[in-house]
Amino acid sequence: MESLIVENHQPEHKDRLFKYIFGKDSEKSKKWRLQLYNALNGTNYKDPDALELNTIENVIYITMHNDISFLVDSQMTLYEQQSSWNPNMPLRGLLYFSQLYQIYLNQNKRSLMRSQLIKIPTPKFVVFYNGIKDDPESWKLKLSTSFEHHDNSGDFEWTANVINMSPEHNKTLHKNCKPLYHYISFVYRIKKNIKDGMSKDKAIEEAVDFAIKENFLDGFFKTQRAEIIGMILTEYNEELIHKNWHEDGYIEGHDDGRNEKAEEDAKNFKAKGIDIHLIAECTGLSVEKVQKL
């Protein structure tokens, strides 16, 4: 089995919780990652080191963080978690894998100019989506949907396999992977708290305390309480900014008055205590500009 470079990233508040649980180079994360892989593929691997971790971050846009990729049995698997709906996952997956294959070729000293056919690991792209009960259990997104002109030839296709992580769906998967079940239970606890009228901060803190009480992930929530709260707050703030810009048309490329809108929103988000670096990334303003505002 060919191996990829293992990149060891230090925890930071901008990591998504899904990646923080399943995508680190720690012994616990390796164990949880193996359980997730076995549950998804119906396998029974015992050695956590069979999954050779390689991650890429900040590929194109601020939310374009792929969560986990690894190579096992000549298959390159990419996992990504999405809190909100995104129809662009096939295109994102294509861009992710182009970089991952470049890493693979460089690491294994393989040149595309050689006369012999180069064999590469088979790609598999899985998107874990925090969906709703009305969504199907799973479905496929295809790159051809993004083409300007309809093309059903299949000559250029890329598929993202979406899995609905709603508690009402994929219960067998939840049962076979306790770490995933704990993660899902925590995320939907926050959603329920907000729906019941709690503030965002209170909803997150209550969910963390609940996870600690229930000993989710073998005490992980207790030891990493502050980091988890910071990550979830950042995710919610990021969603807030994008929702605001999407509703006003600026995310879709309507540039008229964009700078004025960016500065106005930056002021509002800064007043809400959102991190200035996140504001800068979302609005396209410089950190210095946000600070001056």
C-alpha atoms as a PDB file:
ATOM      1  CA  MET A   1       0.000   0.000   0.000  1.00  0.00           C
ATOM      2  CA  GLU A   2       1.400   3.376  -1.012  1.00  0.00           C
ATOM      3  CA  SER A   3       1.521   5.969   1.736  1.00  0.00           C
ATOM      4  CA  LEU A   4       0.874   9.684   1.783  1.00  0.00           C
ATOM      5  CA  ILE A   5       2.494  12.392   3.862  1.00  0.00           C
ATOM      6  CA  VAL A   6       1.042  12.697   7.341  1.00  0.00           C
ATOM      7  CA  GLU A   7       0.469  16.338   8.196  1.00  0.00           C
ATOM      8  CA  ASN A   8       0.138  17.052  11.883  1.00  0.00           C
ATOM      9  CA  HIS A   9      -1.880  20.240  12.439  1.00  0.00           C
ATOM     10  CA  GLN A  10      -2.133  21.861  15.837  1.00  0.00           C
ATOM     11  CA  PRO A  11      -5.711  22.429  17.054  1.00  0.00           C
ATOM     12  CA  GLU A  12      -7.073  25.883  16.264  1.00  0.00           C
ATOM     13  CA  HIS A  13     -10.422  27.507  16.886  1.00  0.00           C
ATOM     14  CA  LYS A  14     -11.219  27.579  13.156  1.00  0.00           C
ATOM     15  CA  ASP A  15     -11.093  23.790  12.803  1.00  0.00           C
ATOM     16  CA  ARG A  16     -14.493  22.239  12.245  1.00  0.00           C
ATOM     17  CA  LEU A  17     -15.524  19.905  15.051  1.00  0.00           C
ATOM     18  CA  PHE A  18     -15.988  16.977  12.655  1.00  0.00           C
ATOM     19  CA  LYS A  19     -12.381  17.284  11.560  1.00  0.00           C
ATOM     20  CA  TYR A  20     -11.228  17.881  15.128  1.00  0.00           C
ATOM     21  CA  ILE A  21     -12.768  14.527  16.096  1.00  0.00           C
ATOM     22  CA  PHE A  22     -11.974  12.364  13.080  1.00  0.00           C
ATOM     23  CA  GLY A  23      -9.115  14.117  11.288  1.00  0.00           C
ATOM     24  CA  LYS A  24      -6.268  14.474  13.765  1.00  0.00           C
ATOM     25  CA  ASP A  25      -3.085  12.463  14.174  1.00  0.00           C
ATOM     26  CA  SER A  26      -3.858  11.427  17.750  1.00  0.00           C
ATOM     27  CA  GLU A  27      -4.489   7.915  19.003  1.00  0.00           C
ATOM     28  CA  LYS A  28      -8.140   8.669  19.845  1.00  0.00           C
ATOM     29  CA  SER A  29      -8.786  10.269  16.481  1.00  0.00           C
ATOM     30  CA  LYS A  30      -7.171   7.336  14.684  1.00  0.00           C
ATOM     31  CA  LYS A  31      -9.474   4.936  16.547  1.00  0.00           C
ATOM     32  CA  TRP A  32     -12.608   6.977  15.784  1.00  0.00           C
ATOM     33  CA  ARG A  33     -11.585   7.390  12.144  1.00  0.00           C
ATOM     34  CA  LEU A  34     -11.196   3.634  11.769  1.00  0.00           C
ATOM     35  CA  GLN A  35     -14.623   3.027  13.322  1.00  0.00           C
ATOM     36  CA  LEU A  36     -16.148   5.498  10.876  1.00  0.00           C
ATOM     37  CA  TYR A  37     -14.450   3.858   7.894  1.00  0.00           C
ATOM     38  CA  ASN A  38     -15.505   0.364   8.950  1.00  0.00           C
ATOM     39  CA  ALA A  39     -19.105   1.461   9.552  1.00  0.00           C
ATOM     40  CA  LEU A  40     -19.353   3.103   6.134  1.00  0.00           C
ATOM     41  CA  ASN A  41     -17.732   0.281   4.174  1.00  0.00           C
ATOM     42  CA  GLY A  42     -18.811  -2.804   6.067  1.00  0.00           C
ATOM     43  CA  THR A  43     -15.183  -3.687   6.792  1.00  0.00           C
ATOM     44  CA  ASN A  44     -13.531  -4.880   9.971  1.00  0.00           C
ATOM     45  CA  TYR A  45     -10.064  -3.358  10.002  1.00  0.00           C
ATOM     46  CA  LYS A  46      -8.347  -3.579  13.390  1.00  0.00           C
ATOM     47  CA  ASP A  47      -5.232  -1.438  12.908  1.00  0.00           C
ATOM     48  CA  PRO A  48      -5.924   2.339  13.144  1.00  0.00           C
ATOM     49  CA  ASP A  49      -2.634   2.986  11.343  1.00  0.00           C
ATOM     50  CA  ALA A  50      -4.041   1.279   8.243  1.00  0.00           C
ATOM     51  CA  LEU A  51      -5.555   4.652   7.420  1.00  0.00           C
ATOM     52  CA  GLU A  52      -2.796   7.009   6.322  1.00  0.00           C
ATOM     53  CA  LEU A  53      -3.958  10.528   6.935  1.00  0.00           C
ATOM     54  CA  ASN A  54      -3.370  13.457   4.618  1.00  0.00           C
ATOM     55  CA  THR A  55      -5.325  16.706   4.776  1.00  0.00           C
ATOM     56  CA  ILE A  56      -5.437  19.913   2.752  1.00  0.00           C
ATOM     57  CA  GLU A  57      -6.900  23.165   3.973  1.00  0.00           C
ATOM     58  CA  ASN A  58      -7.935  26.616   2.682  1.00  0.00           C
ATOM     59  CA  VAL A  59      -8.039  25.357  -0.877  1.00  0.00           C
ATOM     60  CA  ILE A  60      -9.997  28.142  -2.580  1.00  0.00           C
ATOM     61  CA  TYR A  61     -12.643  29.817  -0.425  1.00  0.00           C
ATOM     62  CA  ILE A  62     -12.786  30.354   3.311  1.00  0.00           C
ATOM     63  CA  THR A  63     -15.294  27.548   3.808  1.00  0.00           C
ATOM     64  CA  MET A  64     -13.436  25.255   1.462  1.00  0.00           C
ATOM     65  CA  HIS A  65     -11.810  23.109   4.126  1.00  0.00           C
ATOM     66  CA  ASN A  66     -11.762  19.442   3.263  1.00  0.00           C
ATOM     67  CA  ASP A  67     -12.052  17.502   6.469  1.00  0.00           C
ATOM     68  CA  ILE A  68     -10.392  14.131   6.099  1.00  0.00           C
ATOM     69  CA  SER A  69      -8.679  12.219   3.353  1.00  0.00           C
ATOM     70  CA  PHE A  70      -6.821   8.951   3.655  1.00  0.00           C
ATOM     71  CA  LEU A  71      -5.459   6.088   1.594  1.00  0.00           C
ATOM     72  CA  VAL A  72      -6.316   2.462   2.345  1.00  0.00           C
ATOM     73  CA  ASP A  73      -6.305  -0.553   0.017  1.00  0.00           C
ATOM     74  CA  SER A  74      -5.419   1.691  -2.945  1.00  0.00           C
ATOM     75  CA  GLN A  75      -8.471   3.851  -2.393  1.00  0.00           C
ATOM     76  CA  MET A  76      -8.212   7.587  -1.716  1.00  0.00           C
ATOM     77  CA  THR A  77     -11.164   8.600   0.442  1.00  0.00           C
ATOM     78  CA  LEU A  78     -12.220  12.145   1.197  1.00  0.00           C
ATOM     79  CA  TYR A  79     -14.697  12.948   3.969  1.00  0.00           C
ATOM     80  CA  GLU A  80     -16.232  16.376   4.381  1.00  0.00           C
ATOM     81  CA  GLN A  81     -18.906  17.591   6.767  1.00  0.00           C
ATOM     82  CA  GLN A  82     -21.419  20.259   5.757  1.00  0.00           C
ATOM     83  CA  SER A  83     -23.647  22.071   8.229  1.00  0.00           C
ATOM     84  CA  SER A  84     -25.641  23.835   5.522  1.00  0.00           C
ATOM     85  CA  TRP A  85     -26.662  22.806   2.024  1.00  0.00           C
ATOM     86  CA  ASN A  86     -24.068  23.278  -0.713  1.00  0.00           C
ATOM     87  CA  PRO A  87     -24.734  22.054  -4.276  1.00  0.00           C
ATOM     88  CA  ASN A  88     -21.111  22.727  -5.309  1.00  0.00           C
ATOM     89  CA  MET A  89     -19.613  19.712  -3.557  1.00  0.00           C
ATOM     90  CA  PRO A  90     -18.753  17.784  -6.780  1.00  0.00           C
ATOM     91  CA  LEU A  91     -16.711  20.725  -8.077  1.00  0.00           C
ATOM     92  CA  ARG A  92     -15.070  21.162  -4.688  1.00  0.00           C
ATOM     93  CA  GLY A  93     -14.257  17.443  -4.630  1.00  0.00           C
ATOM     94  CA  LEU A  94     -12.691  17.640  -8.074  1.00  0.00           C
ATOM     95  CA  LEU A  95     -10.455  20.500  -6.931  1.00  0.00           C
ATOM     96  CA  TYR A  96      -9.574  18.713  -3.693  1.00  0.00           C
ATOM     97  CA  PHE A  97      -8.567  15.511  -5.414  1.00  0.00           C
ATOM     98  CA  SER A  98      -6.507  17.286  -8.060  1.00  0.00           C
ATOM     99  CA  GLN A  99      -4.335  18.554  -5.224  1.00  0.00           C
ATOM    100  CA  LEU A 100      -4.308  15.232  -3.381  1.00  0.00           C
ATOM    101  CA  TYR A 101      -3.220  13.388  -6.534  1.00  0.00           C
ATOM    102  CA  GLN A 102      -0.465  15.937  -7.092  1.00  0.00           C
ATOM    103  CA  ILE A 103       0.783  15.235  -3.562  1.00  0.00           C
ATOM    104  CA  TYR A 104       0.561  11.505  -4.262  1.00  0.00           C
ATOM    105  CA  LEU A 105       2.540  11.749  -7.502  1.00  0.00           C
ATOM    106  CA  ASN A 106       5.231  13.950  -5.965  1.00  0.00           C
ATOM    107  CA  GLN A 107       5.567  11.769  -2.895  1.00  0.00           C
ATOM    108  CA  ASN A 108       5.946   8.636  -4.991  1.00  0.00           C
ATOM    109  CA  LYS A 109       8.199  10.320  -7.601  1.00  0.00           C
ATOM    110  CA  ARG A 110       5.919   9.546 -10.519  1.00  0.00           C
ATOM    111  CA  SER A 111       5.984  11.637 -13.682  1.00  0.00           C
ATOM    112  CA  LEU A 112       3.071  12.141 -16.043  1.00  0.00           C
ATOM    113  CA  MET A 113       5.573  12.286 -18.915  1.00  0.00           C
ATOM    114  CA  ARG A 114       6.492   8.609 -18.653  1.00  0.00           C
ATOM    115  CA  SER A 115       5.415   6.225 -21.442  1.00  0.00           C
ATOM    116  CA  GLN A 116       3.808   3.714 -19.068  1.00  0.00           C
ATOM    117  CA  LEU A 117       0.351   4.151 -17.578  1.00  0.00           C
ATOM    118  CA  ILE A 118       0.449   5.523 -14.030  1.00  0.00           C
ATOM    119  CA  LYS A 119      -1.942   3.807 -11.640  1.00  0.00           C
ATOM    120  CA  ILE A 120      -3.579   6.011  -9.014  1.00  0.00           C
ATOM    121  CA  PRO A 121      -5.778   5.230  -5.985  1.00  0.00           C
ATOM    122  CA  THR A 122      -9.505   5.062  -6.693  1.00  0.00           C
ATOM    123  CA  PRO A 123     -11.242   8.240  -5.426  1.00  0.00           C
ATOM    124  CA  LYS A 124     -14.238   8.203  -3.122  1.00  0.00           C
ATOM    125  CA  PHE A 125     -15.886  11.409  -1.922  1.00  0.00           C
ATOM    126  CA  VAL A 126     -18.363  11.287   0.988  1.00  0.00           C
ATOM    127  CA  VAL A 127     -20.186  14.356   2.299  1.00  0.00           C
ATOM    128  CA  PHE A 128     -21.738  14.168   5.766  1.00  0.00           C
ATOM    129  CA  TYR A 129     -24.614  16.638   5.684  1.00  0.00           C
ATOM    130  CA  ASN A 130     -26.476  17.890   8.752  1.00  0.00           C
ATOM    131  CA  GLY A 131     -29.754  17.520   6.900  1.00  0.00           C
ATOM    132  CA  ILE A 132     -33.395  17.529   7.873  1.00  0.00           C
ATOM    133  CA  LYS A 133     -35.812  14.634   8.201  1.00  0.00           C
ATOM    134  CA  ASP A 134     -37.517  15.458   4.904  1.00  0.00           C
ATOM    135  CA  ASP A 135     -34.282  14.826   2.982  1.00  0.00           C
ATOM    136  CA  PRO A 136     -33.519  11.314   1.710  1.00  0.00           C
ATOM    137  CA  GLU A 137     -31.060   9.095   3.578  1.00  0.00           C
ATOM    138  CA  SER A 138     -28.424   9.570   0.903  1.00  0.00           C
ATOM    139  CA  TRP A 139     -28.047  10.779  -2.663  1.00  0.00           C
ATOM    140  CA  LYS A 140     -25.457  11.630  -5.298  1.00  0.00           C
ATOM    141  CA  LEU A 141     -24.444  15.067  -6.547  1.00  0.00           C
ATOM    142  CA  LYS A 142     -22.880  15.206 -10.011  1.00  0.00           C
ATOM    143  CA  LEU A 143     -20.469  17.648 -11.560  1.00  0.00           C
ATOM    144  CA  SER A 144     -22.479  17.793 -14.803  1.00  0.00           C
ATOM    145  CA  THR A 145     -25.212  19.701 -12.952  1.00  0.00           C
ATOM    146  CA  SER A 146     -22.820  22.662 -12.863  1.00  0.00           C
ATOM    147  CA  PHE A 147     -22.173  22.709 -16.615  1.00  0.00           C
ATOM    148  CA  GLU A 148     -23.371  25.795 -18.463  1.00  0.00           C
ATOM    149  CA  HIS A 149     -24.757  23.583 -21.229  1.00  0.00           C
ATOM    150  CA  HIS A 150     -26.554  20.335 -20.489  1.00  0.00           C
ATOM    151  CA  ASP A 151     -24.348  17.298 -21.065  1.00  0.00           C
ATOM    152  CA  ASN A 152     -25.435  13.780 -20.152  1.00  0.00           C
ATOM    153  CA  SER A 153     -22.579  12.036 -21.985  1.00  0.00           C
ATOM    154  CA  GLY A 154     -20.783  11.258 -18.736  1.00  0.00           C
ATOM    155  CA  ASP A 155     -17.455  12.120 -20.389  1.00  0.00           C
ATOM    156  CA  PHE A 156     -16.581  14.509 -17.561  1.00  0.00           C
ATOM    157  CA  GLU A 157     -18.245  13.534 -14.323  1.00  0.00           C
ATOM    158  CA  TRP A 158     -17.472  13.716 -10.636  1.00  0.00           C
ATOM    159  CA  THR A 159     -19.730  12.448  -7.919  1.00  0.00           C
ATOM    160  CA  ALA A 160     -20.167  13.451  -4.303  1.00  0.00           C
ATOM    161  CA  ASN A 161     -21.992  10.883  -2.188  1.00  0.00           C
ATOM    162  CA  VAL A 162     -24.101  12.762   0.352  1.00  0.00           C
ATOM    163  CA  ILE A 163     -25.131  11.111   3.614  1.00  0.00           C
ATOM    164  CA  ASN A 164     -27.918  12.695   5.663  1.00  0.00           C
ATOM    165  CA  MET A 165     -26.779  12.737   9.292  1.00  0.00           C
ATOM    166  CA  SER A 166     -30.175  13.685  10.719  1.00  0.00           C
ATOM    167  CA  PRO A 167     -30.953  11.463  13.765  1.00  0.00           C
ATOM    168  CA  GLU A 168     -33.987  10.146  11.858  1.00  0.00           C
ATOM    169  CA  HIS A 169     -31.768   8.788   9.073  1.00  0.00           C
ATOM    170  CA  ASN A 170     -29.013   6.205   8.671  1.00  0.00           C
ATOM    171  CA  LYS A 171     -29.623   4.705  12.100  1.00  0.00           C
ATOM    172  CA  THR A 172     -27.603   1.608  11.261  1.00  0.00           C
ATOM    173  CA  LEU A 173     -24.592   3.798  10.552  1.00  0.00           C
ATOM    174  CA  HIS A 174     -25.101   5.620  13.851  1.00  0.00           C
ATOM    175  CA  LYS A 175     -25.351   2.294  15.669  1.00  0.00           C
ATOM    176  CA  ASN A 176     -22.189   0.912  14.058  1.00  0.00           C
ATOM    177  CA  CYS A 177     -20.134   4.050  14.729  1.00  0.00           C
ATOM    178  CA  LYS A 178     -20.589   5.388  18.238  1.00  0.00           C
ATOM    179  CA  PRO A 179     -18.217   8.379  17.719  1.00  0.00           C
ATOM    180  CA  LEU A 180     -20.368   9.534  14.783  1.00  0.00           C
ATOM    181  CA  TYR A 181     -23.538   9.047  16.838  1.00  0.00           C
ATOM    182  CA  HIS A 182     -22.081  11.150  19.649  1.00  0.00           C
ATOM    183  CA  TYR A 183     -21.086  13.886  17.215  1.00  0.00           C
ATOM    184  CA  ILE A 184     -24.538  13.909  15.592  1.00  0.00           C
ATOM    185  CA  SER A 185     -26.327  13.898  18.944  1.00  0.00           C
ATOM    186  CA  PHE A 186     -24.285  16.910  20.055  1.00  0.00           C
ATOM    187  CA  VAL A 187     -24.867  18.904  16.848  1.00  0.00           C
ATOM    188  CA  TYR A 188     -28.599  18.309  16.850  1.00  0.00           C
ATOM    189  CA  ARG A 189     -28.778  19.090  20.568  1.00  0.00           C
ATOM    190  CA  ILE A 190     -27.554  22.585  19.689  1.00  0.00           C
ATOM    191  CA  LYS A 191     -30.130  22.881  16.903  1.00  0.00           C
ATOM    192  CA  LYS A 192     -32.928  21.810  19.246  1.00  0.00           C
ATOM    193  CA  ASN A 193     -31.810  24.259  21.928  1.00  0.00           C
ATOM    194  CA  ILE A 194     -31.862  27.150  19.455  1.00  0.00           C
ATOM    195  CA  LYS A 195     -35.246  26.062  18.132  1.00  0.00           C
ATOM    196  CA  ASP A 196     -36.522  26.031  21.736  1.00  0.00           C
ATOM    197  CA  GLY A 197     -35.520  29.678  22.116  1.00  0.00           C
ATOM    198  CA  MET A 198     -32.051  29.546  23.652  1.00  0.00           C
ATOM    199  CA  SER A 199     -29.460  32.062  22.573  1.00  0.00           C
ATOM    200  CA  LYS A 200     -26.661  30.706  20.393  1.00  0.00           C
ATOM    201  CA  ASP A 201     -24.115  30.864  23.222  1.00  0.00           C
ATOM    202  CA  LYS A 202     -26.394  29.197  25.766  1.00  0.00           C
ATOM    203  CA  ALA A 203     -27.441  26.544  23.266  1.00  0.00           C
ATOM    204  CA  ILE A 204     -23.835  25.561  22.614  1.00  0.00           C
ATOM    205  CA  GLU A 205     -22.800  25.579  26.263  1.00  0.00           C
ATOM    206  CA  GLU A 206     -25.805  23.461  27.279  1.00  0.00           C
ATOM    207  CA  ALA A 207     -25.055  20.948  24.531  1.00  0.00           C
ATOM    208  CA  VAL A 208     -21.412  20.708  25.614  1.00  0.00           C
ATOM    209  CA  ASP A 209     -22.431  20.172  29.253  1.00  0.00           C
ATOM    210  CA  PHE A 210     -24.919  17.518  28.112  1.00  0.00           C
ATOM    211  CA  ALA A 211     -22.175  15.758  26.126  1.00  0.00           C
ATOM    212  CA  ILE A 212     -19.909  15.851  29.192  1.00  0.00           C
ATOM    213  CA  LYS A 213     -22.667  14.428  31.391  1.00  0.00           C
ATOM    214  CA  GLU A 214     -23.316  11.611  28.892  1.00  0.00           C
ATOM    215  CA  ASN A 215     -19.544  11.000  28.543  1.00  0.00           C
ATOM    216  CA  PHE A 216     -19.622  11.432  24.774  1.00  0.00           C
ATOM    217  CA  LEU A 217     -16.401  10.353  23.049  1.00  0.00           C
ATOM    218  CA  ASP A 218     -14.912   9.004  26.271  1.00  0.00           C
ATOM    219  CA  GLY A 219     -14.533  12.353  28.017  1.00  0.00           C
ATOM    220  CA  PHE A 220     -13.373  14.275  24.939  1.00  0.00           C
ATOM    221  CA  PHE A 221     -15.944  17.042  25.480  1.00  0.00           C
ATOM    222  CA  LYS A 222     -14.779  17.523  29.066  1.00  0.00           C
ATOM    223  CA  THR A 223     -11.083  17.837  28.260  1.00  0.00           C
ATOM    224  CA  GLN A 224     -11.643  19.966  25.136  1.00  0.00           C
ATOM    225  CA  ARG A 225     -14.611  22.036  26.346  1.00  0.00           C
ATOM    226  CA  ALA A 226     -13.187  25.494  25.578  1.00  0.00           C
ATOM    227  CA  GLU A 227     -11.825  24.482  22.175  1.00  0.00           C
ATOM    228  CA  ILE A 228     -15.135  22.884  21.154  1.00  0.00           C
ATOM    229  CA  ILE A 229     -17.177  25.933  22.157  1.00  0.00           C
ATOM    230  CA  GLY A 230     -14.788  28.156  20.197  1.00  0.00           C
ATOM    231  CA  MET A 231     -15.042  25.984  17.081  1.00  0.00           C
ATOM    232  CA  ILE A 232     -18.838  25.800  17.139  1.00  0.00           C
ATOM    233  CA  LEU A 233     -19.183  29.552  17.735  1.00  0.00           C
ATOM    234  CA  THR A 234     -16.888  30.195  14.768  1.00  0.00           C
ATOM    235  CA  GLU A 235     -18.950  27.880  12.543  1.00  0.00           C
ATOM    236  CA  TYR A 236     -22.194  29.599  13.526  1.00  0.00           C
ATOM    237  CA  ASN A 237     -20.678  33.042  12.999  1.00  0.00           C
ATOM    238  CA  GLU A 238     -19.417  31.975   9.586  1.00  0.00           C
ATOM    239  CA  GLU A 239     -22.883  30.712   8.646  1.00  0.00           C
ATOM    240  CA  LEU A 240     -24.402  33.981   9.878  1.00  0.00           C
ATOM    241  CA  ILE A 241     -22.125  36.048   7.654  1.00  0.00           C
ATOM    242  CA  HIS A 242     -22.741  33.915   4.587  1.00  0.00           C
ATOM    243  CA  LYS A 243     -26.495  33.837   5.180  1.00  0.00           C
ATOM    244  CA  ASN A 244     -26.516  37.625   5.441  1.00  0.00           C
ATOM    245  CA  TRP A 245     -24.574  38.070   2.212  1.00  0.00           C
ATOM    246  CA  HIS A 246     -26.540  35.395   0.385  1.00  0.00           C
ATOM    247  CA  GLU A 247     -29.862  37.008   1.236  1.00  0.00           C
ATOM    248  CA  ASP A 248     -28.610  40.348  -0.061  1.00  0.00           C
ATOM    249  CA  GLY A 249     -27.241  38.844  -3.263  1.00  0.00           C
ATOM    250  CA  TYR A 250     -23.564  39.561  -2.685  1.00  0.00           C
ATOM    251  CA  ILE A 251     -22.443  35.956  -2.396  1.00  0.00           C
ATOM    252  CA  GLU A 252     -23.972  35.308  -5.817  1.00  0.00           C
ATOM    253  CA  GLY A 253     -21.737  37.881  -7.453  1.00  0.00           C
ATOM    254  CA  HIS A 254     -23.835  41.050  -7.472  1.00  0.00           C
ATOM    255  CA  ASP A 255     -20.973  43.489  -7.117  1.00  0.00           C
ATOM    256  CA  ASP A 256     -22.813  46.814  -7.183  1.00  0.00           C
ATOM    257  CA  GLY A 257     -22.052  48.498  -3.896  1.00  0.00           C
ATOM    258  CA  ARG A 258     -20.202  45.429  -2.654  1.00  0.00           C
ATOM    259  CA  ASN A 259     -17.446  47.356  -0.874  1.00  0.00           C
ATOM    260  CA  GLU A 260     -19.935  49.578   0.909  1.00  0.00           C
ATOM    261  CA  LYS A 261     -21.950  46.526   1.911  1.00  0.00           C
ATOM    262  CA  ALA A 262     -18.813  44.729   3.080  1.00  0.00           C
ATOM    263  CA  GLU A 263     -17.820  47.621   5.325  1.00  0.00           C
ATOM    264  CA  GLU A 264     -21.340  47.959   6.715  1.00  0.00           C
ATOM    265  CA  ASP A 265     -21.574  44.248   7.491  1.00  0.00           C
ATOM    266  CA  ALA A 266     -18.046  44.193   8.912  1.00  0.00           C
ATOM    267  CA  LYS A 267     -19.053  46.887  11.396  1.00  0.00           C
ATOM    268  CA  ASN A 268     -22.149  44.931  12.416  1.00  0.00           C
ATOM    269  CA  PHE A 269     -20.309  41.635  12.784  1.00  0.00           C
ATOM    270  CA  LYS A 270     -17.501  43.285  14.726  1.00  0.00           C
ATOM    271  CA  ALA A 271     -20.062  44.790  17.088  1.00  0.00           C
ATOM    272  CA  LYS A 272     -21.337  41.265  17.725  1.00  0.00           C
ATOM    273  CA  GLY A 273     -17.870  40.196  18.816  1.00  0.00           C
ATOM    274  CA  ILE A 274     -17.062  38.038  15.787  1.00  0.00           C
ATOM    275  CA  ASP A 275     -13.347  37.453  15.239  1.00  0.00           C
ATOM    276  CA  ILE A 276     -11.880  40.105  12.908  1.00  0.00           C
ATOM    277  CA  HIS A 277      -9.910  37.533  10.907  1.00  0.00           C
ATOM    278  CA  LEU A 278     -13.110  35.624  10.155  1.00  0.00           C
ATOM    279  CA  ILE A 279     -14.837  38.880   9.174  1.00  0.00           C
ATOM    280  CA  ALA A 280     -11.960  39.730   6.850  1.00  0.00           C
ATOM    281  CA  GLU A 281     -12.069  36.332   5.173  1.00  0.00           C
ATOM    282  CA  CYS A 282     -15.825  36.424   4.684  1.00  0.00           C
ATOM    283  CA  THR A 283     -16.110  39.999   3.421  1.00  0.00           C
ATOM    284  CA  GLY A 284     -12.912  40.206   1.396  1.00  0.00           C
ATOM    285  CA  LEU A 285     -11.666  43.175   3.418  1.00  0.00           C
ATOM    286  CA  SER A 286      -8.179  43.271   4.884  1.00  0.00           C
ATOM    287  CA  VAL A 287      -7.691  42.660   8.590  1.00  0.00           C
ATOM    288  CA  GLU A 288      -6.287  46.200   8.842  1.00  0.00           C
ATOM    289  CA  LYS A 289      -9.440  47.601   7.257  1.00  0.00           C
ATOM    290  CA  VAL A 290     -11.689  45.685   9.647  1.00  0.00           C
ATOM    291  CA  GLN A 291      -9.630  46.911  12.602  1.00  0.00           C
ATOM    292  CA  LYS A 292     -10.017  50.533  11.455  1.00  0.00           C
ATOM    293  CA  LEU A 293     -13.771  50.110  11.122  1.00  0.00           C
END
